[in-house]
Each structure stands twice: as structure tokens, then as C-alpha cells.
């Protein structure tokens, strides 16, 4: 049974930084996969923030977070990270991590799809102005 645990959220002032972590258990990282970070703000639909896979280096970023957020994965620690810099109030949301078994790259999968196999509970990110 695949389980994901996201952490690292908090309250930060605009311009600040946070690093989210997503520990994945019960999953073989030797399989082809995509790990994604998603977010949902109050009253808004969930959106894909960033995705990374092990097929190739192509990474997906939501346009509004490009050059501010960086996604990485550490297979040895079964952990994915989302480093967030120059945070803005509009980044305020609950952030979720999820995993999908797929041969698509992170960029290709999250550009076209948002269906994931397993989801973790979210972590709240609040950016004050």
C-alpha cells in the first residue's frame, strides 16, 4: 500500500522561502513514475504545481511558479522536495504530493493529465503580504 506524507508547510512572509518534503513508502522507485506537487487554495480548483519523473529530466512547472520553485527527488530517501522561493500571497494553499506509475516524463504527464495513483495528506502554506 503506497503512502505519502507531506510536510514543511507553514506561515511565511511574502518573499520568503519554504521547503516541502514528501516521503513515499510502499513504492518501488525502480519502477517508472512521476511524483507531483499540487495545491488547492480556498474556493479554487486543485492545480498542478510541479512534476518530476525518473524517465528523463523533463520537469513540469506551473507558469506562475517557474524560476521560483524547484522540484527534486531523492531516491535513496524515498523523498521528493519542493523548494519554494520568493513566495507570494497567491501561493497560499494546501499543498499535496502524489505519485503515478507511468513511463511519461514529469513534463509530458502533468502537461496533459492530473490523475495520480496515490495521494498524501496536504500541508498548509500561508504567505502573508
N, C-alpha and C. Protein backbone atom coordinates (compact mmCIF):
# COMPACT_ATOMS: atom_id res chain seq x y z
N UNK A 1 0.85 -1.18 0.00
CA UNK A 1 0.00 0.00 0.00
C UNK A 1 0.90 1.25 0.00
N UNK A 2 0.75 2.07 -1.03
CA UNK A 2 1.58 3.28 -1.15
C UNK A 2 1.04 4.36 -0.23
N UNK A 3 1.94 4.96 0.52
CA UNK A 3 1.56 6.07 1.39
C UNK A 3 2.52 7.24 1.15
N UNK A 4 1.98 8.45 1.19
CA UNK A 4 2.79 9.65 1.02
C UNK A 4 2.51 10.59 2.19
N UNK A 5 3.56 11.18 2.69
CA UNK A 5 3.42 12.11 3.82
C UNK A 5 4.12 13.41 3.47
N UNK A 6 3.34 14.45 3.32
CA UNK A 6 3.89 15.77 3.01
C UNK A 6 4.09 16.57 4.29
N UNK A 7 5.13 17.37 4.31
CA UNK A 7 5.41 18.21 5.47
C UNK A 7 6.20 19.43 5.02
N UNK A 8 6.37 20.37 5.93
CA UNK A 8 7.20 21.53 5.65
C UNK A 8 6.43 22.82 5.42
N UNK A 9 5.12 22.73 5.43
CA UNK A 9 4.33 23.94 5.25
C UNK A 9 4.42 24.84 6.47
N UNK A 10 3.87 26.04 6.35
CA UNK A 10 3.88 26.96 7.46
C UNK A 10 3.46 28.35 7.03
N UNK A 11 3.65 29.28 7.93
CA UNK A 11 3.34 30.69 7.67
C UNK A 11 4.64 31.43 7.38
N UNK A 12 4.66 32.15 6.27
CA UNK A 12 5.87 32.86 5.89
C UNK A 12 5.47 34.20 5.28
N UNK A 13 6.32 35.18 5.42
CA UNK A 13 6.05 36.48 4.82
C UNK A 13 6.34 36.44 3.32
N UNK A 14 5.70 37.32 2.59
CA UNK A 14 5.96 37.42 1.16
C UNK A 14 7.44 37.64 0.92
N UNK A 15 7.97 36.94 -0.07
CA UNK A 15 9.39 37.00 -0.36
C UNK A 15 10.21 35.93 0.32
N UNK A 16 9.59 35.23 1.24
CA UNK A 16 10.28 34.19 1.99
C UNK A 16 10.34 32.87 1.26
N UNK A 17 10.88 31.88 1.94
CA UNK A 17 11.09 30.56 1.34
C UNK A 17 10.59 29.46 2.26
N UNK A 18 10.23 28.35 1.66
CA UNK A 18 9.89 27.13 2.38
C UNK A 18 10.36 25.94 1.56
N UNK A 19 10.59 24.83 2.24
CA UNK A 19 10.89 23.59 1.53
C UNK A 19 9.90 22.53 2.00
N UNK A 20 9.13 22.03 1.07
CA UNK A 20 8.20 20.94 1.36
C UNK A 20 8.88 19.61 1.09
N UNK A 21 8.54 18.62 1.90
CA UNK A 21 9.06 17.27 1.73
C UNK A 21 7.90 16.30 1.58
N UNK A 22 8.12 15.27 0.81
CA UNK A 22 7.11 14.23 0.61
C UNK A 22 7.81 12.88 0.72
N UNK A 23 7.56 12.17 1.81
CA UNK A 23 8.14 10.85 2.00
C UNK A 23 7.17 9.81 1.46
N UNK A 24 7.67 8.95 0.60
CA UNK A 24 6.85 7.93 -0.04
C UNK A 24 7.24 6.56 0.49
N UNK A 25 6.27 5.79 0.92
CA UNK A 25 6.54 4.44 1.38
C UNK A 25 5.68 3.46 0.60
N UNK A 26 6.13 2.20 0.54
CA UNK A 26 5.37 1.17 -0.15
C UNK A 26 5.42 1.30 -1.65
N UNK A 27 6.45 1.96 -2.16
CA UNK A 27 6.55 2.20 -3.59
C UNK A 27 7.96 1.91 -4.06
N UNK A 28 8.08 1.22 -5.19
CA UNK A 28 9.39 0.90 -5.73
C UNK A 28 9.83 1.99 -6.70
N UNK A 29 10.84 2.72 -6.30
CA UNK A 29 11.30 3.80 -7.14
C UNK A 29 12.06 3.32 -8.36
N UNK A 30 12.23 2.01 -8.48
CA UNK A 30 12.85 1.48 -9.68
C UNK A 30 11.83 1.36 -10.81
N UNK A 31 10.55 1.40 -10.45
CA UNK A 31 9.52 1.45 -11.49
C UNK A 31 9.49 2.84 -12.10
N UNK A 32 8.97 2.95 -13.30
CA UNK A 32 8.80 4.27 -13.91
C UNK A 32 7.68 5.02 -13.19
N UNK A 33 7.92 6.27 -12.89
CA UNK A 33 6.96 7.01 -12.09
C UNK A 33 7.06 8.51 -12.35
N UNK A 34 6.04 9.19 -11.91
CA UNK A 34 6.04 10.65 -11.82
C UNK A 34 5.58 11.02 -10.42
N UNK A 35 6.29 11.90 -9.77
CA UNK A 35 5.85 12.47 -8.50
C UNK A 35 5.47 13.92 -8.76
N UNK A 36 4.33 14.30 -8.25
CA UNK A 36 3.86 15.65 -8.47
C UNK A 36 3.49 16.37 -7.20
N UNK A 37 3.61 17.67 -7.25
CA UNK A 37 3.10 18.55 -6.19
C UNK A 37 1.91 19.30 -6.76
N UNK A 38 0.85 19.34 -5.99
CA UNK A 38 -0.39 20.01 -6.37
C UNK A 38 -0.76 20.97 -5.25
N UNK A 39 -1.63 21.90 -5.55
CA UNK A 39 -2.10 22.80 -4.49
C UNK A 39 -3.56 23.18 -4.74
N UNK A 40 -4.21 23.49 -3.65
CA UNK A 40 -5.60 23.93 -3.74
C UNK A 40 -5.81 25.07 -2.76
N UNK A 41 -6.17 26.21 -3.29
CA UNK A 41 -6.47 27.38 -2.48
C UNK A 41 -7.96 27.39 -2.18
N UNK A 42 -8.37 28.06 -1.12
CA UNK A 42 -9.80 28.12 -0.78
C UNK A 42 -10.63 28.66 -1.94
N UNK A 43 -11.69 27.94 -2.26
CA UNK A 43 -12.58 28.38 -3.31
C UNK A 43 -12.07 28.18 -4.72
N UNK A 44 -10.93 27.53 -4.86
CA UNK A 44 -10.34 27.32 -6.19
C UNK A 44 -10.15 25.84 -6.45
N UNK A 45 -10.01 25.51 -7.72
CA UNK A 45 -9.76 24.12 -8.07
C UNK A 45 -8.30 23.76 -7.81
N UNK A 46 -8.08 22.46 -7.63
CA UNK A 46 -6.72 21.99 -7.45
C UNK A 46 -5.93 22.19 -8.73
N UNK A 47 -4.68 22.58 -8.60
CA UNK A 47 -3.85 22.76 -9.78
C UNK A 47 -2.51 22.06 -9.60
N UNK A 48 -1.95 21.68 -10.73
CA UNK A 48 -0.64 21.03 -10.72
C UNK A 48 0.43 22.10 -10.57
N UNK A 49 1.32 21.92 -9.63
CA UNK A 49 2.39 22.88 -9.41
C UNK A 49 3.67 22.44 -10.11
N UNK A 50 4.06 21.20 -9.90
CA UNK A 50 5.30 20.71 -10.49
C UNK A 50 5.32 19.19 -10.49
N UNK A 51 5.97 18.60 -11.50
CA UNK A 51 6.06 17.16 -11.59
C UNK A 51 7.45 16.75 -12.05
N UNK A 52 7.94 15.66 -11.50
CA UNK A 52 9.23 15.11 -11.88
C UNK A 52 9.09 13.61 -12.00
N UNK A 53 9.78 13.03 -13.00
CA UNK A 53 9.74 11.59 -13.19
C UNK A 53 11.13 11.03 -13.26
N UNK A 54 11.22 9.72 -13.39
CA UNK A 54 12.54 9.10 -13.49
C UNK A 54 12.87 8.67 -14.92
N UNK A 55 11.98 8.94 -15.86
CA UNK A 55 12.22 8.56 -17.25
C UNK A 55 13.26 9.47 -17.89
N UNK A 56 13.11 10.75 -17.68
CA UNK A 56 14.11 11.70 -18.17
C UNK A 56 14.07 12.96 -17.32
N UNK A 57 14.83 13.98 -17.73
CA UNK A 57 14.98 15.18 -16.92
C UNK A 57 13.88 16.22 -17.14
N UNK A 58 12.93 15.93 -18.02
CA UNK A 58 11.90 16.93 -18.32
C UNK A 58 10.97 17.11 -17.12
N UNK A 59 10.91 18.33 -16.63
CA UNK A 59 10.14 18.66 -15.44
C UNK A 59 9.03 19.64 -15.80
N UNK A 60 7.89 19.45 -15.18
CA UNK A 60 6.78 20.38 -15.40
C UNK A 60 6.72 21.39 -14.26
N UNK A 61 6.52 22.65 -14.61
CA UNK A 61 6.24 23.70 -13.63
C UNK A 61 5.05 24.51 -14.10
N UNK A 62 4.18 24.82 -13.18
CA UNK A 62 3.12 25.78 -13.43
C UNK A 62 3.78 27.11 -13.80
N UNK A 63 3.26 27.78 -14.78
CA UNK A 63 3.90 29.01 -15.25
C UNK A 63 4.16 30.01 -14.11
N UNK A 64 3.21 30.12 -13.20
CA UNK A 64 3.33 31.14 -12.16
C UNK A 64 4.41 30.82 -11.12
N UNK A 65 4.95 29.60 -11.14
CA UNK A 65 5.98 29.25 -10.16
C UNK A 65 7.35 29.04 -10.81
N UNK A 66 7.40 29.11 -12.13
CA UNK A 66 8.69 28.93 -12.81
C UNK A 66 9.70 29.95 -12.30
N UNK A 67 10.91 29.50 -12.13
CA UNK A 67 12.03 30.32 -11.65
C UNK A 67 11.94 30.64 -10.17
N UNK A 68 10.88 30.18 -9.50
CA UNK A 68 10.77 30.38 -8.04
C UNK A 68 10.75 29.05 -7.28
N UNK A 69 10.18 28.03 -7.89
CA UNK A 69 10.05 26.72 -7.25
C UNK A 69 10.97 25.72 -7.94
N UNK A 70 11.49 24.77 -7.16
CA UNK A 70 12.32 23.70 -7.71
C UNK A 70 11.89 22.38 -7.11
N UNK A 71 11.61 21.41 -7.98
CA UNK A 71 11.25 20.07 -7.53
C UNK A 71 12.44 19.15 -7.69
N UNK A 72 12.67 18.31 -6.70
CA UNK A 72 13.73 17.31 -6.78
C UNK A 72 13.22 16.03 -6.14
N UNK A 73 13.91 14.94 -6.44
CA UNK A 73 13.58 13.67 -5.80
C UNK A 73 14.87 13.00 -5.34
N UNK A 74 14.82 12.38 -4.19
CA UNK A 74 15.96 11.67 -3.61
C UNK A 74 15.53 10.22 -3.43
N UNK A 75 15.94 9.39 -4.39
CA UNK A 75 15.50 8.00 -4.37
C UNK A 75 16.00 7.28 -3.13
N UNK A 76 17.21 7.58 -2.70
CA UNK A 76 17.78 6.90 -1.53
C UNK A 76 16.95 7.15 -0.28
N UNK A 77 16.31 8.31 -0.22
CA UNK A 77 15.48 8.66 0.94
C UNK A 77 13.99 8.51 0.65
N UNK A 78 13.66 8.02 -0.55
CA UNK A 78 12.24 7.88 -0.93
C UNK A 78 11.49 9.19 -0.70
N UNK A 79 12.12 10.28 -1.03
CA UNK A 79 11.56 11.58 -0.71
C UNK A 79 11.62 12.52 -1.91
N UNK A 80 10.56 13.28 -2.09
CA UNK A 80 10.54 14.34 -3.08
C UNK A 80 10.45 15.67 -2.34
N UNK A 81 11.03 16.69 -2.94
CA UNK A 81 11.05 18.00 -2.31
C UNK A 81 10.49 19.06 -3.26
N UNK A 82 9.96 20.10 -2.67
CA UNK A 82 9.58 21.27 -3.45
C UNK A 82 10.14 22.48 -2.72
N UNK A 83 11.20 23.06 -3.30
CA UNK A 83 11.78 24.25 -2.72
C UNK A 83 11.07 25.46 -3.31
N UNK A 84 10.58 26.31 -2.44
CA UNK A 84 9.79 27.45 -2.87
C UNK A 84 10.47 28.74 -2.40
N UNK A 85 10.77 29.59 -3.34
CA UNK A 85 11.42 30.87 -3.03
C UNK A 85 10.57 32.02 -3.54
N UNK A 86 10.85 33.20 -3.03
CA UNK A 86 10.13 34.43 -3.40
C UNK A 86 8.62 34.16 -3.35
N UNK A 87 8.19 33.63 -2.23
CA UNK A 87 6.78 33.26 -2.09
C UNK A 87 5.90 34.50 -2.14
N UNK A 88 4.72 34.30 -2.71
CA UNK A 88 3.75 35.37 -2.87
C UNK A 88 2.45 34.99 -2.17
N UNK A 89 1.65 35.96 -1.78
CA UNK A 89 0.36 35.62 -1.14
C UNK A 89 -0.49 34.68 -1.99
N UNK A 90 -0.39 34.79 -3.30
CA UNK A 90 -1.19 33.92 -4.16
C UNK A 90 -0.69 32.47 -4.18
N UNK A 91 0.44 32.21 -3.53
CA UNK A 91 0.91 30.83 -3.36
C UNK A 91 0.24 30.15 -2.17
N UNK A 92 -0.52 30.90 -1.41
CA UNK A 92 -1.21 30.33 -0.25
C UNK A 92 -2.18 29.25 -0.69
N UNK A 93 -2.03 28.07 -0.10
CA UNK A 93 -2.85 26.92 -0.48
C UNK A 93 -2.45 25.73 0.38
N UNK A 94 -3.25 24.68 0.28
CA UNK A 94 -2.84 23.39 0.82
C UNK A 94 -2.09 22.67 -0.30
N UNK A 95 -0.89 22.22 0.01
CA UNK A 95 -0.04 21.56 -0.97
C UNK A 95 -0.08 20.04 -0.73
N UNK A 96 -0.25 19.30 -1.81
CA UNK A 96 -0.32 17.85 -1.77
C UNK A 96 0.76 17.26 -2.66
N UNK A 97 1.26 16.09 -2.27
CA UNK A 97 2.12 15.34 -3.18
C UNK A 97 1.38 14.07 -3.59
N UNK A 98 1.74 13.58 -4.76
CA UNK A 98 1.09 12.40 -5.30
C UNK A 98 2.05 11.68 -6.23
N UNK A 99 1.78 10.41 -6.48
CA UNK A 99 2.66 9.61 -7.34
C UNK A 99 1.84 8.85 -8.37
N UNK A 100 2.41 8.69 -9.53
CA UNK A 100 1.76 7.97 -10.62
C UNK A 100 2.77 7.05 -11.27
N UNK A 101 2.41 5.77 -11.45
CA UNK A 101 3.25 4.87 -12.22
C UNK A 101 3.00 5.15 -13.71
N UNK A 102 4.03 5.58 -14.38
CA UNK A 102 3.88 5.93 -15.79
C UNK A 102 5.24 6.03 -16.44
N UNK A 103 5.27 5.81 -17.74
CA UNK A 103 6.51 5.96 -18.49
C UNK A 103 6.65 7.35 -19.08
N UNK A 104 5.65 8.18 -18.86
CA UNK A 104 5.77 9.56 -19.30
C UNK A 104 6.80 10.30 -18.44
N UNK A 105 7.38 11.34 -19.00
CA UNK A 105 8.21 12.23 -18.20
C UNK A 105 7.31 13.07 -17.30
N UNK A 106 7.90 13.71 -16.32
CA UNK A 106 7.12 14.59 -15.46
C UNK A 106 6.45 15.68 -16.27
N UNK A 107 7.19 16.24 -17.22
CA UNK A 107 6.65 17.31 -18.04
C UNK A 107 5.49 16.82 -18.89
N UNK A 108 5.70 15.72 -19.60
CA UNK A 108 4.66 15.23 -20.50
C UNK A 108 3.42 14.79 -19.74
N UNK A 109 3.59 14.11 -18.61
CA UNK A 109 2.41 13.62 -17.92
C UNK A 109 1.58 14.78 -17.34
N UNK A 110 2.23 15.67 -16.65
CA UNK A 110 1.47 16.72 -15.96
C UNK A 110 1.01 17.83 -16.89
N UNK A 111 1.57 17.89 -18.09
CA UNK A 111 1.04 18.82 -19.08
C UNK A 111 -0.34 18.38 -19.55
N UNK A 112 -0.55 17.06 -19.61
CA UNK A 112 -1.78 16.54 -20.20
C UNK A 112 -2.72 15.86 -19.20
N UNK A 113 -2.21 15.39 -18.09
CA UNK A 113 -3.03 14.63 -17.16
C UNK A 113 -2.86 15.14 -15.74
N UNK A 114 -3.80 14.80 -14.89
CA UNK A 114 -3.66 15.11 -13.47
C UNK A 114 -4.09 13.94 -12.60
N UNK A 115 -4.44 12.83 -13.24
CA UNK A 115 -4.83 11.65 -12.48
C UNK A 115 -3.60 10.97 -11.90
N UNK A 116 -3.59 10.78 -10.60
CA UNK A 116 -2.46 10.16 -9.91
C UNK A 116 -2.94 8.91 -9.17
N UNK A 117 -2.02 7.99 -8.92
CA UNK A 117 -2.39 6.73 -8.27
C UNK A 117 -2.59 6.88 -6.77
N UNK A 118 -1.74 7.63 -6.12
CA UNK A 118 -1.80 7.75 -4.67
C UNK A 118 -1.52 9.19 -4.26
N UNK A 119 -2.22 9.61 -3.23
CA UNK A 119 -2.12 10.98 -2.73
C UNK A 119 -1.77 10.99 -1.25
N UNK A 120 -1.04 12.02 -0.87
CA UNK A 120 -0.79 12.23 0.55
C UNK A 120 -1.72 13.29 1.09
N UNK A 121 -1.73 13.39 2.40
CA UNK A 121 -2.48 14.48 3.02
C UNK A 121 -1.70 15.76 2.81
N UNK A 122 -2.38 16.86 2.74
CA UNK A 122 -1.76 18.11 2.40
C UNK A 122 -1.03 18.78 3.55
N UNK A 123 -0.25 19.77 3.19
CA UNK A 123 0.41 20.62 4.17
C UNK A 123 0.09 22.07 3.80
N UNK A 124 -0.30 22.85 4.81
CA UNK A 124 -0.76 24.21 4.55
C UNK A 124 0.42 25.16 4.39
N UNK A 125 0.37 25.94 3.34
CA UNK A 125 1.33 27.02 3.11
C UNK A 125 0.55 28.34 3.11
N UNK A 126 0.94 29.23 4.00
CA UNK A 126 0.28 30.53 4.08
C UNK A 126 1.34 31.62 3.92
N UNK A 127 1.13 32.49 2.95
CA UNK A 127 2.07 33.57 2.68
C UNK A 127 1.38 34.89 3.00
N UNK A 128 1.92 35.61 3.96
CA UNK A 128 1.32 36.89 4.36
C UNK A 128 1.92 38.02 3.54
N UNK A 129 1.10 39.02 3.31
CA UNK A 129 1.56 40.15 2.49
C UNK A 129 2.22 41.22 3.35
